[in-house]
Amino acid sequence: MGKLLYLSRKIHRLLVLIISVLILIMAGTGTLLKYQSFVSNNFPSIDLGAVRYLHGNLSLFFIIVLILMAASGLILYFLPEIIKRRGKKDIDVKQ
């Protein structure tokens, strides 16, 4: 179970980095879409259709990474307690 904990920690750290980048992109594109009248008037070179396309397509990856990060976080949270409880049961059986 120690290998699972180590692997889960590595995966969780990688997913945290990925979700941080996705959050920045999603926040930027979401802000551009929220204030699209201001953006289209002051920054006509920004294609709001492409921004909407990027925001919509990245949302799927965002959800997948978020679910995987939550799963690895749950493993990191509960696995030490499971290991500790299994260790106590093994000690009780031996005595």
PDB file of N, CA and C in Angstrom:
ATOM      1  N   MET A   1       0.812  -1.194   0.000  1.00  0.00           N
ATOM      2  CA  MET A   1       0.000   0.000   0.000  1.00  0.00           C
ATOM      3  C   MET A   1       0.858   1.262   0.000  1.00  0.00           C
ATOM      4  N   GLY A   2       2.103   1.144   0.409  1.00  0.00           N
ATOM      5  CA  GLY A   2       2.991   2.295   0.403  1.00  0.00           C
ATOM      6  C   GLY A   2       3.265   2.785  -1.006  1.00  0.00           C
ATOM      7  N   LYS A   3       3.344   1.840  -1.964  1.00  0.00           N
ATOM      8  CA  LYS A   3       3.561   2.224  -3.353  1.00  0.00           C
ATOM      9  C   LYS A   3       2.355   2.969  -3.911  1.00  0.00           C
ATOM     10  N   LEU A   4       1.171   2.548  -3.501  1.00  0.00           N
ATOM     11  CA  LEU A   4      -0.041   3.233  -3.933  1.00  0.00           C
ATOM     12  C   LEU A   4      -0.077   4.655  -3.395  1.00  0.00           C
ATOM     13  N   LEU A   5       0.331   4.834  -2.171  1.00  0.00           N
ATOM     14  CA  LEU A   5       0.367   6.168  -1.570  1.00  0.00           C
ATOM     15  C   LEU A   5       1.379   7.049  -2.293  1.00  0.00           C
ATOM     16  N   TYR A   6       2.545   6.501  -2.595  1.00  0.00           N
ATOM     17  CA  TYR A   6       3.583   7.252  -3.306  1.00  0.00           C
ATOM     18  C   TYR A   6       3.117   7.629  -4.713  1.00  0.00           C
ATOM     19  N   LEU A   7       2.533   6.674  -5.430  1.00  0.00           N
ATOM     20  CA  LEU A   7       2.042   6.926  -6.772  1.00  0.00           C
ATOM     21  C   LEU A   7       0.907   7.944  -6.762  1.00  0.00           C
ATOM     22  N   SER A   8       0.011   7.825  -5.808  1.00  0.00           N
ATOM     23  CA  SER A   8      -1.096   8.754  -5.692  1.00  0.00           C
ATOM     24  C   SER A   8      -0.601  10.177  -5.411  1.00  0.00           C
ATOM     25  N   ARG A   9       0.428  10.289  -4.595  1.00  0.00           N
ATOM     26  CA  ARG A   9       0.989  11.607  -4.284  1.00  0.00           C
ATOM     27  C   ARG A   9       1.604  12.235  -5.535  1.00  0.00           C
ATOM     28  N   LYS A  10       2.348  11.440  -6.313  1.00  0.00           N
ATOM     29  CA  LYS A  10       2.956  11.941  -7.550  1.00  0.00           C
ATOM     30  C   LYS A  10       1.888  12.367  -8.560  1.00  0.00           C
ATOM     31  N   ILE A  11       0.870  11.535  -8.723  1.00  0.00           N
ATOM     32  CA  ILE A  11      -0.216  11.861  -9.653  1.00  0.00           C
ATOM     33  C   ILE A  11      -0.948  13.109  -9.194  1.00  0.00           C
ATOM     34  N   HIS A  12      -1.214  13.205  -7.901  1.00  0.00           N
ATOM     35  CA  HIS A  12      -1.934  14.359  -7.368  1.00  0.00           C
ATOM     36  C   HIS A  12      -1.148  15.653  -7.606  1.00  0.00           C
ATOM     37  N   ARG A  13       0.156  15.616  -7.394  1.00  0.00           N
ATOM     38  CA  ARG A  13       0.974  16.812  -7.615  1.00  0.00           C
ATOM     39  C   ARG A  13       0.948  17.228  -9.083  1.00  0.00           C
ATOM     40  N   LEU A  14       1.046  16.268  -9.986  1.00  0.00           N
ATOM     41  CA  LEU A  14       0.991  16.583 -11.408  1.00  0.00           C
ATOM     42  C   LEU A  14      -0.368  17.180 -11.783  1.00  0.00           C
ATOM     43  N   LEU A  15      -1.438  16.593 -11.256  1.00  0.00           N
ATOM     44  CA  LEU A  15      -2.773  17.089 -11.562  1.00  0.00           C
ATOM     45  C   LEU A  15      -3.013  18.480 -10.983  1.00  0.00           C
ATOM     46  N   VAL A  16      -2.414  18.781  -9.846  1.00  0.00           N
ATOM     47  CA  VAL A  16      -2.529  20.130  -9.281  1.00  0.00           C
ATOM     48  C   VAL A  16      -1.892  21.148 -10.218  1.00  0.00           C
ATOM     49  N   LEU A  17      -0.752  20.815 -10.781  1.00  0.00           N
ATOM     50  CA  LEU A  17      -0.108  21.725 -11.732  1.00  0.00           C
ATOM     51  C   LEU A  17      -0.966  21.899 -12.989  1.00  0.00           C
ATOM     52  N   ILE A  18      -1.494  20.815 -13.494  1.00  0.00           N
ATOM     53  CA  ILE A  18      -2.324  20.889 -14.706  1.00  0.00           C
ATOM     54  C   ILE A  18      -3.577  21.705 -14.441  1.00  0.00           C
ATOM     55  N   ILE A  19      -4.231  21.475 -13.305  1.00  0.00           N
ATOM     56  CA  ILE A  19      -5.475  22.193 -13.028  1.00  0.00           C
ATOM     57  C   ILE A  19      -5.207  23.667 -12.769  1.00  0.00           C
ATOM     58  N   SER A  20      -4.026  23.992 -12.252  1.00  0.00           N
ATOM     59  CA  SER A  20      -3.694  25.403 -12.043  1.00  0.00           C
ATOM     60  C   SER A  20      -3.608  26.145 -13.370  1.00  0.00           C
ATOM     61  N   VAL A  21      -2.987  25.517 -14.355  1.00  0.00           N
ATOM     62  CA  VAL A  21      -2.901  26.133 -15.685  1.00  0.00           C
ATOM     63  C   VAL A  21      -4.288  26.220 -16.315  1.00  0.00           C
ATOM     64  N   LEU A  22      -5.070  25.164 -16.186  1.00  0.00           N
ATOM     65  CA  LEU A  22      -6.418  25.181 -16.750  1.00  0.00           C
ATOM     66  C   LEU A  22      -7.297  26.232 -16.083  1.00  0.00           C
ATOM     67  N   ILE A  23      -7.136  26.440 -14.784  1.00  0.00           N
ATOM     68  CA  ILE A  23      -7.913  27.465 -14.086  1.00  0.00           C
ATOM     69  C   ILE A  23      -7.589  28.840 -14.632  1.00  0.00           C
ATOM     70  N   LEU A  24      -6.320  29.108 -14.858  1.00  0.00           N
ATOM     71  CA  LEU A  24      -5.930  30.416 -15.392  1.00  0.00           C
ATOM     72  C   LEU A  24      -6.519  30.642 -16.782  1.00  0.00           C
ATOM     73  N   ILE A  25      -6.445  29.633 -17.628  1.00  0.00           N
ATOM     74  CA  ILE A  25      -6.990  29.771 -18.981  1.00  0.00           C
ATOM     75  C   ILE A  25      -8.512  29.910 -18.936  1.00  0.00           C
ATOM     76  N   MET A  26      -9.165  29.077 -18.139  1.00  0.00           N
ATOM     77  CA  MET A  26     -10.624  29.142 -18.050  1.00  0.00           C
ATOM     78  C   MET A  26     -11.094  30.466 -17.461  1.00  0.00           C
ATOM     79  N   ALA A  27     -10.368  30.985 -16.481  1.00  0.00           N
ATOM     80  CA  ALA A  27     -10.742  32.274 -15.894  1.00  0.00           C
ATOM     81  C   ALA A  27     -10.562  33.397 -16.907  1.00  0.00           C
ATOM     82  N   GLY A  28      -9.466  33.342 -17.650  1.00  0.00           N
ATOM     83  CA  GLY A  28      -9.232  34.372 -18.662  1.00  0.00           C
ATOM     84  C   GLY A  28     -10.281  34.345 -19.762  1.00  0.00           C
ATOM     85  N   THR A  29     -10.563  33.172 -20.297  1.00  0.00           N
ATOM     86  CA  THR A  29     -11.561  33.077 -21.370  1.00  0.00           C
ATOM     87  C   THR A  29     -12.963  33.373 -20.843  1.00  0.00           C
ATOM     88  N   GLY A  30     -13.249  32.965 -19.623  1.00  0.00           N
ATOM     89  CA  GLY A  30     -14.554  33.255 -19.032  1.00  0.00           C
ATOM     90  C   GLY A  30     -14.761  34.745 -18.810  1.00  0.00           C
ATOM     91  N   THR A  31     -13.716  35.437 -18.393  1.00  0.00           N
ATOM     92  CA  THR A  31     -13.805  36.887 -18.211  1.00  0.00           C
ATOM     93  C   THR A  31     -14.010  37.584 -19.547  1.00  0.00           C
ATOM     94  N   LEU A  32     -13.290  37.133 -20.570  1.00  0.00           N
ATOM     95  CA  LEU A  32     -13.485  37.720 -21.900  1.00  0.00           C
ATOM     96  C   LEU A  32     -14.911  37.507 -22.397  1.00  0.00           C
ATOM     97  N   LEU A  33     -15.471  36.335 -22.122  1.00  0.00           N
ATOM     98  CA  LEU A  33     -16.835  36.063 -22.567  1.00  0.00           C
ATOM     99  C   LEU A  33     -17.866  36.827 -21.742  1.00  0.00           C
ATOM    100  N   LYS A  34     -17.589  37.054 -20.489  1.00  0.00           N
ATOM    101  CA  LYS A  34     -18.538  37.785 -19.649  1.00  0.00           C
ATOM    102  C   LYS A  34     -18.645  39.240 -20.093  1.00  0.00           C
ATOM    103  N   TYR A  35     -17.514  39.828 -20.425  1.00  0.00           N
ATOM    104  CA  TYR A  35     -17.494  41.223 -20.836  1.00  0.00           C
ATOM    105  C   TYR A  35     -17.260  41.326 -22.342  1.00  0.00           C
ATOM    106  N   GLN A  36     -18.022  40.567 -23.108  1.00  0.00           N
ATOM    107  CA  GLN A  36     -17.784  40.497 -24.541  1.00  0.00           C
ATOM    108  C   GLN A  36     -18.111  41.786 -25.266  1.00  0.00           C
ATOM    109  N   SER A  37     -19.066  42.584 -24.779  1.00  0.00           N
ATOM    110  CA  SER A  37     -19.340  43.855 -25.453  1.00  0.00           C
ATOM    111  C   SER A  37     -18.154  44.809 -25.294  1.00  0.00           C
ATOM    112  N   PHE A  38     -17.551  44.843 -24.104  1.00  0.00           N
ATOM    113  CA  PHE A  38     -16.371  45.674 -23.877  1.00  0.00           C
ATOM    114  C   PHE A  38     -15.192  45.190 -24.720  1.00  0.00           C
ATOM    115  N   VAL A  39     -15.015  43.888 -24.768  1.00  0.00           N
ATOM    116  CA  VAL A  39     -13.898  43.306 -25.522  1.00  0.00           C
ATOM    117  C   VAL A  39     -14.069  43.554 -27.020  1.00  0.00           C
ATOM    118  N   SER A  40     -15.271  43.350 -27.533  1.00  0.00           N
ATOM    119  CA  SER A  40     -15.479  43.531 -28.976  1.00  0.00           C
ATOM    120  C   SER A  40     -15.346  44.992 -29.388  1.00  0.00           C
ATOM    121  N   ASN A  41     -15.686  45.924 -28.503  1.00  0.00           N
ATOM    122  CA  ASN A  41     -15.554  47.346 -28.835  1.00  0.00           C
ATOM    123  C   ASN A  41     -14.108  47.821 -28.729  1.00  0.00           C
ATOM    124  N   ASN A  42     -13.391  47.396 -27.703  1.00  0.00           N
ATOM    125  CA  ASN A  42     -12.048  47.917 -27.444  1.00  0.00           C
ATOM    126  C   ASN A  42     -10.919  47.058 -28.007  1.00  0.00           C
ATOM    127  N   PHE A  43     -11.177  45.783 -28.194  1.00  0.00           N
ATOM    128  CA  PHE A  43     -10.160  44.875 -28.712  1.00  0.00           C
ATOM    129  C   PHE A  43     -10.748  44.075 -29.877  1.00  0.00           C
ATOM    130  N   PRO A  44     -10.924  44.706 -31.038  1.00  0.00           N
ATOM    131  CA  PRO A  44     -11.576  43.988 -32.151  1.00  0.00           C
ATOM    132  C   PRO A  44     -10.743  42.842 -32.716  1.00  0.00           C
ATOM    133  N   SER A  45      -9.463  42.785 -32.380  1.00  0.00           N
ATOM    134  CA  SER A  45      -8.623  41.697 -32.907  1.00  0.00           C
ATOM    135  C   SER A  45      -8.853  40.373 -32.186  1.00  0.00           C
ATOM    136  N   ILE A  46      -9.504  40.408 -31.027  1.00  0.00           N
ATOM    137  CA  ILE A  46      -9.792  39.175 -30.288  1.00  0.00           C
ATOM    138  C   ILE A  46     -11.041  38.523 -30.869  1.00  0.00           C
ATOM    139  N   ASP A  47     -10.891  37.302 -31.322  1.00  0.00           N
ATOM    140  CA  ASP A  47     -12.000  36.550 -31.905  1.00  0.00           C
ATOM    141  C   ASP A  47     -12.770  35.864 -30.777  1.00  0.00           C
ATOM    142  N   LEU A  48     -13.957  36.381 -30.485  1.00  0.00           N
ATOM    143  CA  LEU A  48     -14.739  35.823 -29.379  1.00  0.00           C
ATOM    144  C   LEU A  48     -15.261  34.419 -29.694  1.00  0.00           C
ATOM    145  N   GLY A  49     -15.414  34.105 -30.949  1.00  0.00           N
ATOM    146  CA  GLY A  49     -15.807  32.741 -31.322  1.00  0.00           C
ATOM    147  C   GLY A  49     -14.723  31.737 -30.960  1.00  0.00           C
ATOM    148  N   ALA A  50     -13.479  32.114 -31.213  1.00  0.00           N
ATOM    149  CA  ALA A  50     -12.367  31.232 -30.849  1.00  0.00           C
ATOM    150  C   ALA A  50     -12.228  31.125 -29.335  1.00  0.00           C
ATOM    151  N   VAL A  51     -12.477  32.240 -28.643  1.00  0.00           N
ATOM    152  CA  VAL A  51     -12.420  32.228 -27.172  1.00  0.00           C
ATOM    153  C   VAL A  51     -13.502  31.313 -26.623  1.00  0.00           C
ATOM    154  N   ARG A  52     -14.700  31.403 -27.180  1.00  0.00           N
ATOM    155  CA  ARG A  52     -15.806  30.542 -26.744  1.00  0.00           C
ATOM    156  C   ARG A  52     -15.499  29.074 -27.035  1.00  0.00           C
ATOM    157  N   TYR A  53     -14.924  28.805 -28.202  1.00  0.00           N
ATOM    158  CA  TYR A  53     -14.543  27.440 -28.573  1.00  0.00           C
ATOM    159  C   TYR A  53     -13.490  26.892 -27.602  1.00  0.00           C
ATOM    160  N   LEU A  54     -12.473  27.693 -27.317  1.00  0.00           N
ATOM    161  CA  LEU A  54     -11.425  27.277 -26.383  1.00  0.00           C
ATOM    162  C   LEU A  54     -11.992  27.014 -24.991  1.00  0.00           C
ATOM    163  N   HIS A  55     -12.844  27.918 -24.526  1.00  0.00           N
ATOM    164  CA  HIS A  55     -13.436  27.773 -23.188  1.00  0.00           C
ATOM    165  C   HIS A  55     -14.310  26.518 -23.111  1.00  0.00           C
ATOM    166  N   GLY A  56     -15.097  26.298 -24.137  1.00  0.00           N
ATOM    167  CA  GLY A  56     -15.983  25.129 -24.142  1.00  0.00           C
ATOM    168  C   GLY A  56     -15.233  23.813 -24.206  1.00  0.00           C
ATOM    169  N   ASN A  57     -14.173  23.773 -25.013  1.00  0.00           N
ATOM    170  CA  ASN A  57     -13.426  22.518 -25.150  1.00  0.00           C
ATOM    171  C   ASN A  57     -12.525  22.245 -23.953  1.00  0.00           C
ATOM    172  N   LEU A  58     -11.987  23.279 -23.341  1.00  0.00           N
ATOM    173  CA  LEU A  58     -11.146  23.055 -22.165  1.00  0.00           C
ATOM    174  C   LEU A  58     -11.954  22.652 -20.940  1.00  0.00           C
ATOM    175  N   SER A  59     -13.240  22.969 -20.938  1.00  0.00           N
ATOM    176  CA  SER A  59     -14.050  22.625 -19.771  1.00  0.00           C
ATOM    177  C   SER A  59     -14.126  21.114 -19.561  1.00  0.00           C
ATOM    178  N   LEU A  60     -14.139  20.350 -20.638  1.00  0.00           N
ATOM    179  CA  LEU A  60     -14.159  18.886 -20.512  1.00  0.00           C
ATOM    180  C   LEU A  60     -12.870  18.376 -19.865  1.00  0.00           C
ATOM    181  N   PHE A  61     -11.721  18.884 -20.330  1.00  0.00           N
ATOM    182  CA  PHE A  61     -10.440  18.488 -19.733  1.00  0.00           C
ATOM    183  C   PHE A  61     -10.354  18.934 -18.273  1.00  0.00           C
ATOM    184  N   PHE A  62     -10.903  20.108 -17.996  1.00  0.00           N
ATOM    185  CA  PHE A  62     -10.911  20.632 -16.636  1.00  0.00           C
ATOM    186  C   PHE A  62     -11.668  19.688 -15.699  1.00  0.00           C
ATOM    187  N   ILE A  63     -12.830  19.246 -16.126  1.00  0.00           N
ATOM    188  CA  ILE A  63     -13.647  18.345 -15.297  1.00  0.00           C
ATOM    189  C   ILE A  63     -12.950  17.000 -15.101  1.00  0.00           C
ATOM    190  N   ILE A  64     -12.348  16.471 -16.163  1.00  0.00           N
ATOM    191  CA  ILE A  64     -11.651  15.180 -16.054  1.00  0.00           C
ATOM    192  C   ILE A  64     -10.487  15.281 -15.072  1.00  0.00           C
ATOM    193  N   VAL A  65      -9.680  16.342 -15.211  1.00  0.00           N
ATOM    194  CA  VAL A  65      -8.533  16.523 -14.309  1.00  0.00           C
ATOM    195  C   VAL A  65      -9.014  16.748 -12.884  1.00  0.00           C
ATOM    196  N   LEU A  66     -10.097  17.506 -12.722  1.00  0.00           N
ATOM    197  CA  LEU A  66     -10.629  17.765 -11.379  1.00  0.00           C
ATOM    198  C   LEU A  66     -11.112  16.480 -10.707  1.00  0.00           C
ATOM    199  N   ILE A  67     -11.780  15.622 -11.456  1.00  0.00           N
ATOM    200  CA  ILE A  67     -12.264  14.348 -10.894  1.00  0.00           C
ATOM    201  C   ILE A  67     -11.087  13.446 -10.531  1.00  0.00           C
ATOM    202  N   LEU A  68     -10.083  13.369 -11.414  1.00  0.00           N
ATOM    203  CA  LEU A  68      -8.912  12.546 -11.112  1.00  0.00           C
ATOM    204  C   LEU A  68      -8.144  13.091  -9.907  1.00  0.00           C
ATOM    205  N   MET A  69      -8.057  14.416  -9.808  1.00  0.00           N
ATOM    206  CA  MET A  69      -7.362  15.018  -8.673  1.00  0.00           C
ATOM    207  C   MET A  69      -8.127  14.744  -7.375  1.00  0.00           C
ATOM    208  N   ALA A  70      -9.450  14.819  -7.435  1.00  0.00           N
ATOM    209  CA  ALA A  70     -10.257  14.518  -6.253  1.00  0.00           C
ATOM    210  C   ALA A  70     -10.089  13.051  -5.839  1.00  0.00           C
ATOM    211  N   ALA A  71     -10.042  12.150  -6.815  1.00  0.00           N
ATOM    212  CA  ALA A  71      -9.865  10.723  -6.505  1.00  0.00           C
ATOM    213  C   ALA A  71      -8.511  10.467  -5.864  1.00  0.00           C
ATOM    214  N   SER A  72      -7.457  11.066  -6.417  1.00  0.00           N
ATOM    215  CA  SER A  72      -6.133  10.855  -5.821  1.00  0.00           C
ATOM    216  C   SER A  72      -6.043  11.530  -4.454  1.00  0.00           C
ATOM    217  N   GLY A  73      -6.726  12.634  -4.283  1.00  0.00           N
ATOM    218  CA  GLY A  73      -6.766  13.292  -2.969  1.00  0.00           C
ATOM    219  C   GLY A  73      -7.483  12.446  -1.931  1.00  0.00           C
ATOM    220  N   LEU A  74      -8.552  11.787  -2.341  1.00  0.00           N
ATOM    221  CA  LEU A  74      -9.255  10.894  -1.413  1.00  0.00           C
ATOM    222  C   LEU A  74      -8.382   9.716  -1.012  1.00  0.00           C
ATOM    223  N   ILE A  75      -7.621   9.193  -1.966  1.00  0.00           N
ATOM    224  CA  ILE A  75      -6.688   8.115  -1.637  1.00  0.00           C
ATOM    225  C   ILE A  75      -5.651   8.610  -0.638  1.00  0.00           C
ATOM    226  N   LEU A  76      -5.120   9.799  -0.878  1.00  0.00           N
ATOM    227  CA  LEU A  76      -4.122  10.357   0.042  1.00  0.00           C
ATOM    228  C   LEU A  76      -4.710  10.601   1.423  1.00  0.00           C
ATOM    229  N   TYR A  77      -5.987  10.922   1.473  1.00  0.00           N
ATOM    230  CA  TYR A  77      -6.623  11.219   2.756  1.00  0.00           C
ATOM    231  C   TYR A  77      -6.956   9.948   3.540  1.00  0.00           C
ATOM    232  N   PHE A  78      -7.524   8.959   2.849  1.00  0.00           N
ATOM    233  CA  PHE A  78      -8.026   7.790   3.560  1.00  0.00           C
ATOM    234  C   PHE A  78      -7.028   6.637   3.683  1.00  0.00           C
ATOM    235  N   LEU A  79      -6.081   6.514   2.775  1.00  0.00           N
ATOM    236  CA  LEU A  79      -5.180   5.368   2.790  1.00  0.00           C
ATOM    237  C   LEU A  79      -4.323   5.273   4.056  1.00  0.00           C
ATOM    238  N   PRO A  80      -3.764   6.364   4.579  1.00  0.00           N
ATOM    239  CA  PRO A  80      -3.004   6.214   5.827  1.00  0.00           C
ATOM    240  C   PRO A  80      -3.854   5.680   6.987  1.00  0.00           C
ATOM    241  N   GLU A  81      -5.105   6.088   7.051  1.00  0.00           N
ATOM    242  CA  GLU A  81      -5.991   5.584   8.105  1.00  0.00           C
ATOM    243  C   GLU A  81      -6.294   4.102   7.905  1.00  0.00           C
ATOM    244  N   ILE A  82      -6.473   3.686   6.666  1.00  0.00           N
ATOM    245  CA  ILE A  82      -6.724   2.269   6.384  1.00  0.00           C
ATOM    246  C   ILE A  82      -5.496   1.439   6.746  1.00  0.00           C
ATOM    247  N   ILE A  83      -4.309   1.940   6.395  1.00  0.00           N
ATOM    248  CA  ILE A  83      -3.074   1.229   6.734  1.00  0.00           C
ATOM    249  C   ILE A  83      -2.924   1.117   8.242  1.00  0.00           C
ATOM    250  N   LYS A  84      -3.229   2.201   8.943  1.00  0.00           N
ATOM    251  CA  LYS A  84      -3.105   2.199  10.398  1.00  0.00           C
ATOM    252  C   LYS A  84      -4.078   1.199  11.027  1.00  0.00           C
ATOM    253  N   ARG A  85      -5.307   1.159  10.534  1.00  0.00           N
ATOM    254  CA  ARG A  85      -6.294   0.225  11.089  1.00  0.00           C
ATOM    255  C   ARG A  85      -5.941  -1.221  10.773  1.00  0.00           C
ATOM    256  N   ARG A  86      -5.434  -1.480   9.578  1.00  0.00           N
ATOM    257  CA  ARG A  86      -5.019  -2.848   9.246  1.00  0.00           C
ATOM    258  C   ARG A  86      -3.852  -3.290  10.113  1.00  0.00           C
ATOM    259  N   GLY A  87      -2.960  -2.358  10.415  1.00  0.00           N
ATOM    260  CA  GLY A  87      -1.825  -2.680  11.270  1.00  0.00           C
ATOM    261  C   GLY A  87      -2.266  -3.040  12.674  1.00  0.00           C
ATOM    262  N   LYS A  88      -3.274  -2.335  13.204  1.00  0.00           N
ATOM    263  CA  LYS A  88      -3.783  -2.646  14.543  1.00  0.00           C
ATOM    264  C   LYS A  88      -4.455  -4.009  14.565  1.00  0.00           C
ATOM    265  N   LYS A  89      -5.170  -4.367  13.509  1.00  0.00           N
ATOM    266  CA  LYS A  89      -5.822  -5.674  13.454  1.00  0.00           C
ATOM    267  C   LYS A  89      -4.781  -6.788  13.403  1.00  0.00           C
ATOM    268  N   ASP A  90      -3.711  -6.563  12.644  1.00  0.00           N
ATOM    269  CA  ASP A  90      -2.658  -7.572  12.569  1.00  0.00           C
ATOM    270  C   ASP A  90      -2.005  -7.778  13.922  1.00  0.00           C
ATOM    271  N   ILE A  91      -1.798  -6.708  14.672  1.00  0.00           N
ATOM    272  CA  ILE A  91      -1.170  -6.801  16.002  1.00  0.00           C
ATOM    273  C   ILE A  91      -2.106  -7.529  16.955  1.00  0.00           C
ATOM    274  N   ASP A  92      -3.434  -7.236  16.887  1.00  0.00           N
ATOM    275  CA  ASP A  92      -4.372  -7.895  17.766  1.00  0.00           C
ATOM    276  C   ASP A  92      -4.459  -9.390  17.495  1.00  0.00           C
ATOM    277  N   VAL A  93      -4.376  -9.791  16.252  1.00  0.00           N
ATOM    278  CA  VAL A  93      -4.450 -11.207  15.909  1.00  0.00           C
ATOM    279  C   VAL A  93      -3.215 -11.950  16.397  1.00  0.00           C
ATOM    280  N   LYS A  94      -2.048 -11.335  16.289  1.00  0.00           N
ATOM    281  CA  LYS A  94      -0.809 -11.974  16.704  1.00  0.00           C
ATOM    282  C   LYS A  94      -0.744 -12.170  18.205  1.00  0.00           C
ATOM    283  N   GLN A  95      -1.366 -11.303  18.968  1.00  0.00           N
ATOM    284  CA  GLN A  95      -1.319 -11.433  20.440  1.00  0.00           C
ATOM    285  C   GLN A  95      -2.323 -12.441  20.854  1.00  0.00           C
TER     286      GLN A  95
END
